Amino acid sequence: MPRWEIPEWRERYGVVAGITGRGSGPEPFDLGLWTTAPVGEVMARWRALRASMPECPAQVLAHQVHGDRVLWHTGPTAGWSIHDDADGHATAARGLLLLVTVADCVPVYLLAPRSRTIALLHAGWRGTAAGILARGVALLQAQSGEGPDQLVLHLGVSISGPCYEVGAEVMAGVGEAHPGTGPWHLDIREVLARQAAELGVKEVTRSGRCAAREAGDFFSHRRSGGRDGRMVAYLGLPEVAG
């Protein structure tokens, strides 16, 4: 199963954190749930994802709506748990893998290292404009007791600025200047990094990979005109051995 981990997060923080990829076989490793693909094929891929991370046997995701709702989860449940109308998840429970689906939008990984509390957000331009990052940071602070300057944040694989051409509505929505008549190019990771700094988050890293440009490795909604599949970004606290 194709997947990439965030460099050093497993070693430094003891978390499982990364993203799946397209894969190199005859059939892409598409984890989109709301597609016309045969159910058996889709679920086989989801079972492979779950089997690849036995340290987090419970998994939670949601039907994403490009909003700012972030759910707090108190503990793992058996198998998969799917919620409605949310774009983020947070927990301090071991063995629970937080999941968001992406195909250009930014997966935002948040960690409060001392309390070992985590959050994973799905941030497209609408979620970014709605303030999902501020919601996620506030929830993590409330549950962990750690200040924003103690949090760690990573902005994952997404479409890059040179590949993301947008109109005035999008630029205005995320608070970006847009002189002239456009269209303009928008780097959502850059906007989120600036928001994080304004919130007081000091340790921010970002992936340099572009979902739209790297067609061999990733799905891209923009590149495919809406026909492409979905990757899954994941973040979890492994169960304690024994």
C-alpha atoms as a PDB file:
ATOM      1  CA  MET A   1       0.000   0.000   0.000  1.00  0.00           C
ATOM      2  CA  PRO A   2       1.548   3.329  -1.034  1.00  0.00           C
ATOM      3  CA  ARG A   3       2.032   5.826   1.783  1.00  0.00           C
ATOM      4  CA  TRP A   4       4.486   8.450   2.987  1.00  0.00           C
ATOM      5  CA  GLU A   5       5.115   9.377   6.605  1.00  0.00           C
ATOM      6  CA  ILE A   6       5.921  12.855   7.893  1.00  0.00           C
ATOM      7  CA  PRO A   7       9.697  12.809   8.402  1.00  0.00           C
ATOM      8  CA  GLU A   8      10.777  12.201  12.019  1.00  0.00           C
ATOM      9  CA  TRP A   9       7.317  12.442  13.609  1.00  0.00           C
ATOM     10  CA  ARG A  10       7.290   8.749  14.529  1.00  0.00           C
ATOM     11  CA  GLU A  11      10.770   8.956  16.012  1.00  0.00           C
ATOM     12  CA  ARG A  12      10.433  12.350  17.747  1.00  0.00           C
ATOM     13  CA  TYR A  13       6.828  12.229  18.917  1.00  0.00           C
ATOM     14  CA  GLY A  14       5.794   8.566  18.821  1.00  0.00           C
ATOM     15  CA  VAL A  15       2.849   9.151  16.477  1.00  0.00           C
ATOM     16  CA  VAL A  16       1.729   7.585  13.221  1.00  0.00           C
ATOM     17  CA  ALA A  17       1.415  10.421  10.688  1.00  0.00           C
ATOM     18  CA  GLY A  18       1.360  10.531   6.907  1.00  0.00           C
ATOM     19  CA  ILE A  19      -0.652  10.179   3.716  1.00  0.00           C
ATOM     20  CA  THR A  20      -1.498   7.449   1.232  1.00  0.00           C
ATOM     21  CA  GLY A  21      -0.670   7.718  -2.465  1.00  0.00           C
ATOM     22  CA  ARG A  22      -1.952   6.734  -5.878  1.00  0.00           C
ATOM     23  CA  GLY A  23       0.124   3.575  -6.157  1.00  0.00           C
ATOM     24  CA  SER A  24       1.894   2.082  -9.149  1.00  0.00           C
ATOM     25  CA  GLY A  25      -0.263  -0.950  -9.919  1.00  0.00           C
ATOM     26  CA  PRO A  26      -2.884  -1.334 -12.663  1.00  0.00           C
ATOM     27  CA  GLU A  27      -5.607  -0.094 -10.289  1.00  0.00           C
ATOM     28  CA  PRO A  28      -5.027   3.169  -8.368  1.00  0.00           C
ATOM     29  CA  PHE A  29      -5.225   3.032  -4.574  1.00  0.00           C
ATOM     30  CA  ASP A  30      -8.319   5.235  -4.502  1.00  0.00           C
ATOM     31  CA  LEU A  31      -9.814   5.602  -1.000  1.00  0.00           C
ATOM     32  CA  GLY A  32     -12.720   7.822  -2.026  1.00  0.00           C
ATOM     33  CA  LEU A  33     -15.929   6.571  -0.403  1.00  0.00           C
ATOM     34  CA  TRP A  34     -18.453   8.522  -2.448  1.00  0.00           C
ATOM     35  CA  THR A  35     -17.664   7.194  -5.904  1.00  0.00           C
ATOM     36  CA  THR A  36     -19.179   4.857  -8.474  1.00  0.00           C
ATOM     37  CA  ALA A  37     -16.433   2.256  -7.936  1.00  0.00           C
ATOM     38  CA  PRO A  38     -17.570  -1.234  -6.841  1.00  0.00           C
ATOM     39  CA  VAL A  39     -18.031  -1.334  -3.077  1.00  0.00           C
ATOM     40  CA  GLY A  40     -15.964  -4.488  -2.739  1.00  0.00           C
ATOM     41  CA  GLU A  41     -12.932  -2.872  -4.374  1.00  0.00           C
ATOM     42  CA  VAL A  42     -13.178   0.269  -2.251  1.00  0.00           C
ATOM     43  CA  MET A  43     -13.546  -1.653   1.008  1.00  0.00           C
ATOM     44  CA  ALA A  44     -10.641  -3.935   0.109  1.00  0.00           C
ATOM     45  CA  ARG A  45      -8.421  -0.867  -0.100  1.00  0.00           C
ATOM     46  CA  TRP A  46      -9.738   0.443   3.218  1.00  0.00           C
ATOM     47  CA  ARG A  47      -9.058  -2.923   4.844  1.00  0.00           C
ATOM     48  CA  ALA A  48      -5.513  -2.789   3.477  1.00  0.00           C
ATOM     49  CA  LEU A  49      -5.055   0.665   5.019  1.00  0.00           C
ATOM     50  CA  ARG A  50      -6.273  -0.555   8.384  1.00  0.00           C
ATOM     51  CA  ALA A  51      -4.116  -3.698   8.253  1.00  0.00           C
ATOM     52  CA  SER A  52      -1.010  -1.622   7.471  1.00  0.00           C
ATOM     53  CA  MET A  53      -1.278   0.192  10.825  1.00  0.00           C
ATOM     54  CA  PRO A  54      -2.162  -2.415  13.468  1.00  0.00           C
ATOM     55  CA  GLU A  55      -0.964  -0.054  16.212  1.00  0.00           C
ATOM     56  CA  CYS A  56      -4.124   2.026  15.574  1.00  0.00           C
ATOM     57  CA  PRO A  57      -6.894  -0.557  15.067  1.00  0.00           C
ATOM     58  CA  ALA A  58      -9.769   1.953  15.315  1.00  0.00           C
ATOM     59  CA  GLN A  59     -10.235   4.604  12.638  1.00  0.00           C
ATOM     60  CA  VAL A  60     -12.464   7.667  12.466  1.00  0.00           C
ATOM     61  CA  LEU A  61     -13.406   9.867   9.506  1.00  0.00           C
ATOM     62  CA  ALA A  62     -16.286  12.066   8.377  1.00  0.00           C
ATOM     63  CA  HIS A  63     -18.273  13.212   5.391  1.00  0.00           C
ATOM     64  CA  GLN A  64     -16.359  16.435   4.742  1.00  0.00           C
ATOM     65  CA  VAL A  65     -18.191  19.664   3.843  1.00  0.00           C
ATOM     66  CA  HIS A  66     -15.361  22.235   3.563  1.00  0.00           C
ATOM     67  CA  GLY A  67     -16.371  23.809   6.864  1.00  0.00           C
ATOM     68  CA  ASP A  68     -14.773  24.505  10.244  1.00  0.00           C
ATOM     69  CA  ARG A  69     -16.270  21.793  12.482  1.00  0.00           C
ATOM     70  CA  VAL A  70     -13.696  19.756  14.427  1.00  0.00           C
ATOM     71  CA  LEU A  71     -14.840  16.719  16.436  1.00  0.00           C
ATOM     72  CA  TRP A  72     -13.343  15.602  19.752  1.00  0.00           C
ATOM     73  CA  HIS A  73     -13.112  11.811  20.193  1.00  0.00           C
ATOM     74  CA  THR A  74     -12.806  10.373  23.698  1.00  0.00           C
ATOM     75  CA  GLY A  75     -11.762   6.874  22.803  1.00  0.00           C
ATOM     76  CA  PRO A  76     -11.410   4.238  20.131  1.00  0.00           C
ATOM     77  CA  THR A  77     -14.263   2.104  18.873  1.00  0.00           C
ATOM     78  CA  ALA A  78     -13.996  -1.145  16.988  1.00  0.00           C
ATOM     79  CA  GLY A  79     -13.381  -0.794  13.271  1.00  0.00           C
ATOM     80  CA  TRP A  80     -14.398   2.358  11.403  1.00  0.00           C
ATOM     81  CA  SER A  81     -16.486   5.236  12.672  1.00  0.00           C
ATOM     82  CA  ILE A  82     -17.920   7.689  10.103  1.00  0.00           C
ATOM     83  CA  HIS A  83     -19.476  11.014  11.118  1.00  0.00           C
ATOM     84  CA  ASP A  84     -21.466  13.624   9.204  1.00  0.00           C
ATOM     85  CA  ASP A  85     -20.517  17.193   8.337  1.00  0.00           C
ATOM     86  CA  ALA A  86     -17.063  17.646   9.858  1.00  0.00           C
ATOM     87  CA  ASP A  87     -13.627  18.522   8.510  1.00  0.00           C
ATOM     88  CA  GLY A  88     -11.438  17.796  11.489  1.00  0.00           C
ATOM     89  CA  HIS A  89     -10.837  15.356  14.318  1.00  0.00           C
ATOM     90  CA  ALA A  90      -8.949  15.537  17.617  1.00  0.00           C
ATOM     91  CA  THR A  91      -8.176  13.053  20.369  1.00  0.00           C
ATOM     92  CA  ALA A  92      -5.871  12.001  23.176  1.00  0.00           C
ATOM     93  CA  ALA A  93      -6.937   8.354  22.875  1.00  0.00           C
ATOM     94  CA  ARG A  94      -4.379   5.734  21.964  1.00  0.00           C
ATOM     95  CA  GLY A  95      -5.185   3.291  19.198  1.00  0.00           C
ATOM     96  CA  LEU A  96      -7.480   5.696  17.330  1.00  0.00           C
ATOM     97  CA  LEU A  97      -6.380   6.774  13.859  1.00  0.00           C
ATOM     98  CA  LEU A  98      -7.751  10.133  12.699  1.00  0.00           C
ATOM     99  CA  LEU A  99      -8.421  10.305   8.948  1.00  0.00           C
ATOM    100  CA  VAL A 100      -9.280  12.965   6.359  1.00  0.00           C
ATOM    101  CA  THR A 101      -9.611  12.454   2.606  1.00  0.00           C
ATOM    102  CA  VAL A 102      -7.758  14.831   0.278  1.00  0.00           C
ATOM    103  CA  ALA A 103      -7.021  15.345  -3.418  1.00  0.00           C
ATOM    104  CA  ASP A 104      -5.599  18.912  -3.468  1.00  0.00           C
ATOM    105  CA  CYS A 105      -6.770  20.331  -0.112  1.00  0.00           C
ATOM    106  CA  VAL A 106      -4.233  20.614   2.698  1.00  0.00           C
ATOM    107  CA  PRO A 107      -4.110  17.991   5.454  1.00  0.00           C
ATOM    108  CA  VAL A 108      -3.138  19.870   8.633  1.00  0.00           C
ATOM    109  CA  TYR A 109      -1.447  17.793  11.347  1.00  0.00           C
ATOM    110  CA  LEU A 110      -1.424  19.237  14.883  1.00  0.00           C
ATOM    111  CA  LEU A 111       0.285  17.847  17.968  1.00  0.00           C
ATOM    112  CA  ALA A 112       0.569  18.915  21.602  1.00  0.00           C
ATOM    113  CA  PRO A 113       3.731  16.924  22.438  1.00  0.00           C
ATOM    114  CA  ARG A 114       3.716  17.035  26.259  1.00  0.00           C
ATOM    115  CA  SER A 115       0.133  15.882  26.702  1.00  0.00           C
ATOM    116  CA  ARG A 116       0.177  13.753  23.532  1.00  0.00           C
ATOM    117  CA  THR A 117      -2.994  15.269  22.145  1.00  0.00           C
ATOM    118  CA  ILE A 118      -3.497  15.405  18.369  1.00  0.00           C
ATOM    119  CA  ALA A 119      -5.739  16.894  15.698  1.00  0.00           C
ATOM    120  CA  LEU A 120      -6.040  16.389  11.946  1.00  0.00           C
ATOM    121  CA  LEU A 121      -7.813  18.925   9.732  1.00  0.00           C
ATOM    122  CA  HIS A 122      -8.990  19.051   6.110  1.00  0.00           C
ATOM    123  CA  ALA A 123      -8.330  22.575   4.812  1.00  0.00           C
ATOM    124  CA  GLY A 124      -9.356  23.646   1.341  1.00  0.00           C
ATOM    125  CA  TRP A 125      -9.803  27.328   0.595  1.00  0.00           C
ATOM    126  CA  ARG A 126     -13.319  27.385   2.071  1.00  0.00           C
ATOM    127  CA  GLY A 127     -12.231  25.711   5.302  1.00  0.00           C
ATOM    128  CA  THR A 128      -9.226  27.985   5.494  1.00  0.00           C
ATOM    129  CA  ALA A 129     -11.467  31.018   5.020  1.00  0.00           C
ATOM    130  CA  ALA A 130     -13.888  29.696   7.648  1.00  0.00           C
ATOM    131  CA  GLY A 131     -11.105  29.441  10.226  1.00  0.00           C
ATOM    132  CA  ILE A 132     -10.780  25.680  10.654  1.00  0.00           C
ATOM    133  CA  LEU A 133      -7.150  26.091  11.743  1.00  0.00           C
ATOM    134  CA  ALA A 134      -8.138  28.442  14.565  1.00  0.00           C
ATOM    135  CA  ARG A 135     -10.859  25.968  15.607  1.00  0.00           C
ATOM    136  CA  GLY A 136      -8.409  23.093  15.649  1.00  0.00           C
ATOM    137  CA  VAL A 137      -5.782  25.015  17.610  1.00  0.00           C
ATOM    138  CA  ALA A 138      -8.371  26.210  20.143  1.00  0.00           C
ATOM    139  CA  LEU A 139      -9.713  22.686  20.670  1.00  0.00           C
ATOM    140  CA  LEU A 140      -6.228  21.255  21.074  1.00  0.00           C
ATOM    141  CA  GLN A 141      -5.349  23.967  23.596  1.00  0.00           C
ATOM    142  CA  ALA A 142      -8.550  23.387  25.585  1.00  0.00           C
ATOM    143  CA  GLN A 143      -8.057  19.627  25.758  1.00  0.00           C
ATOM    144  CA  SER A 144      -4.292  19.588  26.295  1.00  0.00           C
ATOM    145  CA  GLY A 145      -3.743  22.651  28.480  1.00  0.00           C
ATOM    146  CA  GLU A 146      -0.781  23.588  26.285  1.00  0.00           C
ATOM    147  CA  GLY A 147      -0.360  27.029  24.744  1.00  0.00           C
ATOM    148  CA  PRO A 148      -0.137  27.591  20.986  1.00  0.00           C
ATOM    149  CA  ASP A 149       3.606  28.160  21.262  1.00  0.00           C
ATOM    150  CA  GLN A 150       3.949  24.567  22.499  1.00  0.00           C
ATOM    151  CA  LEU A 151       2.111  23.014  19.562  1.00  0.00           C
ATOM    152  CA  VAL A 152       3.685  21.416  16.509  1.00  0.00           C
ATOM    153  CA  LEU A 153       2.058  21.785  13.081  1.00  0.00           C
ATOM    154  CA  HIS A 154       2.712  20.225   9.685  1.00  0.00           C
ATOM    155  CA  LEU A 155       1.059  21.185   6.388  1.00  0.00           C
ATOM    156  CA  GLY A 156       0.936  18.100   4.222  1.00  0.00           C
ATOM    157  CA  VAL A 157       0.788  17.142   0.558  1.00  0.00           C
ATOM    158  CA  SER A 158      -1.557  19.417  -1.425  1.00  0.00           C
ATOM    159  CA  ILE A 159      -1.813  21.401  -4.626  1.00  0.00           C
ATOM    160  CA  SER A 160       0.934  24.024  -4.879  1.00  0.00           C
ATOM    161  CA  GLY A 161       0.526  27.706  -5.627  1.00  0.00           C
ATOM    162  CA  PRO A 162       1.784  27.562  -9.228  1.00  0.00           C
ATOM    163  CA  CYS A 163      -0.835  24.889 -10.025  1.00  0.00           C
ATOM    164  CA  TYR A 164      -3.766  26.467  -8.177  1.00  0.00           C
ATOM    165  CA  GLU A 165      -5.314  29.186 -10.330  1.00  0.00           C
ATOM    166  CA  VAL A 166      -8.251  30.937  -8.658  1.00  0.00           C
ATOM    167  CA  GLY A 167     -10.603  33.880  -9.005  1.00  0.00           C
ATOM    168  CA  ALA A 168     -11.328  36.928  -6.888  1.00  0.00           C
ATOM    169  CA  GLU A 169     -13.848  35.117  -4.652  1.00  0.00           C
ATOM    170  CA  VAL A 170     -11.202  32.678  -3.436  1.00  0.00           C
ATOM    171  CA  MET A 171      -8.513  35.324  -2.936  1.00  0.00           C
ATOM    172  CA  ALA A 172     -10.888  37.552  -0.994  1.00  0.00           C
ATOM    173  CA  GLY A 173     -12.158  34.594   1.034  1.00  0.00           C
ATOM    174  CA  VAL A 174      -8.736  33.797   2.443  1.00  0.00           C
ATOM    175  CA  GLY A 175      -7.753  37.445   2.861  1.00  0.00           C
ATOM    176  CA  GLU A 176      -5.225  37.633   0.044  1.00  0.00           C
ATOM    177  CA  ALA A 177      -4.609  40.792  -1.971  1.00  0.00           C
ATOM    178  CA  HIS A 178      -5.593  40.396  -5.625  1.00  0.00           C
ATOM    179  CA  PRO A 179      -4.740  43.457  -7.692  1.00  0.00           C
ATOM    180  CA  GLY A 180      -5.568  43.537 -11.380  1.00  0.00           C
ATOM    181  CA  THR A 181      -8.078  41.357 -13.194  1.00  0.00           C
ATOM    182  CA  GLY A 182      -6.703  37.884 -12.426  1.00  0.00           C
ATOM    183  CA  PRO A 183      -6.801  34.978 -12.413  1.00  0.00           C
ATOM    184  CA  TRP A 184      -4.365  34.570  -9.535  1.00  0.00           C
ATOM    185  CA  HIS A 185      -2.323  31.712  -8.096  1.00  0.00           C
ATOM    186  CA  LEU A 186      -2.901  30.800  -4.458  1.00  0.00           C
ATOM    187  CA  ASP A 187      -0.684  28.797  -2.094  1.00  0.00           C
ATOM    188  CA  ILE A 188      -3.055  27.537   0.623  1.00  0.00           C
ATOM    189  CA  ARG A 189      -0.142  26.164   2.638  1.00  0.00           C
ATOM    190  CA  GLU A 190       1.358  29.640   2.752  1.00  0.00           C
ATOM    191  CA  VAL A 191      -1.955  31.115   3.951  1.00  0.00           C
ATOM    192  CA  LEU A 192      -2.246  28.460   6.656  1.00  0.00           C
ATOM    193  CA  ALA A 193       1.368  28.981   7.763  1.00  0.00           C
ATOM    194  CA  ARG A 194       0.641  32.682   8.176  1.00  0.00           C
ATOM    195  CA  GLN A 195      -2.543  31.938  10.122  1.00  0.00           C
ATOM    196  CA  ALA A 196      -0.592  29.569  12.372  1.00  0.00           C
ATOM    197  CA  ALA A 197       1.976  32.277  13.123  1.00  0.00           C
ATOM    198  CA  GLU A 198      -0.813  34.743  13.941  1.00  0.00           C
ATOM    199  CA  LEU A 199      -2.292  32.173  16.341  1.00  0.00           C
ATOM    200  CA  GLY A 200       1.061  31.838  18.114  1.00  0.00           C
ATOM    201  CA  VAL A 201       2.147  28.459  16.734  1.00  0.00           C
ATOM    202  CA  LYS A 202       5.918  28.605  16.425  1.00  0.00           C
ATOM    203  CA  GLU A 203       6.915  25.182  15.065  1.00  0.00           C
ATOM    204  CA  VAL A 204       5.455  24.881  11.557  1.00  0.00           C
ATOM    205  CA  THR A 205       6.747  22.639   8.781  1.00  0.00           C
ATOM    206  CA  ARG A 206       5.297  21.976   5.359  1.00  0.00           C
ATOM    207  CA  SER A 207       5.545  19.422   2.595  1.00  0.00           C
ATOM    208  CA  GLY A 208       7.068  20.632  -0.648  1.00  0.00           C
ATOM    209  CA  ARG A 209       5.161  18.097  -2.719  1.00  0.00           C
ATOM    210  CA  CYS A 210       2.407  19.060  -5.174  1.00  0.00           C
ATOM    211  CA  ALA A 211      -0.571  16.763  -5.735  1.00  0.00           C
ATOM    212  CA  ALA A 212      -1.358  18.355  -9.093  1.00  0.00           C
ATOM    213  CA  ARG A 213       2.176  18.251 -10.492  1.00  0.00           C
ATOM    214  CA  GLU A 214       3.116  14.766  -9.247  1.00  0.00           C
ATOM    215  CA  ALA A 215       0.518  12.705 -11.114  1.00  0.00           C
ATOM    216  CA  GLY A 216       2.431   9.471 -10.633  1.00  0.00           C
ATOM    217  CA  ASP A 217       2.176   9.623  -6.854  1.00  0.00           C
ATOM    218  CA  PHE A 218      -0.963  11.570  -5.926  1.00  0.00           C
ATOM    219  CA  PHE A 219      -4.568  12.225  -6.881  1.00  0.00           C
ATOM    220  CA  SER A 220      -5.593  15.768  -7.826  1.00  0.00           C
ATOM    221  CA  HIS A 221      -9.146  17.036  -8.179  1.00  0.00           C
ATOM    222  CA  ARG A 222      -7.973  20.137 -10.060  1.00  0.00           C
ATOM    223  CA  ARG A 223      -5.655  18.334 -12.473  1.00  0.00           C
ATOM    224  CA  SER A 224      -8.259  15.696 -13.359  1.00  0.00           C
ATOM    225  CA  GLY A 225     -11.229  18.036 -13.683  1.00  0.00           C
ATOM    226  CA  GLY A 226     -12.940  16.337 -10.749  1.00  0.00           C
ATOM    227  CA  ARG A 227     -12.515  12.762 -11.992  1.00  0.00           C
ATOM    228  CA  ASP A 228      -9.617  11.681  -9.777  1.00  0.00           C
ATOM    229  CA  GLY A 229      -9.639   9.555  -6.643  1.00  0.00           C
ATOM    230  CA  ARG A 230      -8.764  10.413  -3.049  1.00  0.00           C
ATOM    231  CA  MET A 231      -5.799   9.967  -0.743  1.00  0.00           C
ATOM    232  CA  VAL A 232      -6.206   9.608   3.014  1.00  0.00           C
ATOM    233  CA  ALA A 233      -4.139  11.633   5.475  1.00  0.00           C
ATOM    234  CA  TYR A 234      -3.785   9.956   8.860  1.00  0.00           C
ATOM    235  CA  LEU A 235      -2.610  10.770  12.387  1.00  0.00           C
ATOM    236  CA  GLY A 236      -2.739   8.540  15.444  1.00  0.00           C
ATOM    237  CA  LEU A 237      -1.281   7.677  18.841  1.00  0.00           C
ATOM    238  CA  PRO A 238      -0.252   4.007  18.777  1.00  0.00           C
ATOM    239  CA  GLU A 239      -1.577   1.619  21.372  1.00  0.00           C
ATOM    240  CA  VAL A 240       0.813   0.827  24.214  1.00  0.00           C
ATOM    241  CA  ALA A 241       2.454  -2.534  23.604  1.00  0.00           C
ATOM    242  CA  GLY A 242       1.481  -5.227  26.081  1.00  0.00           C
END
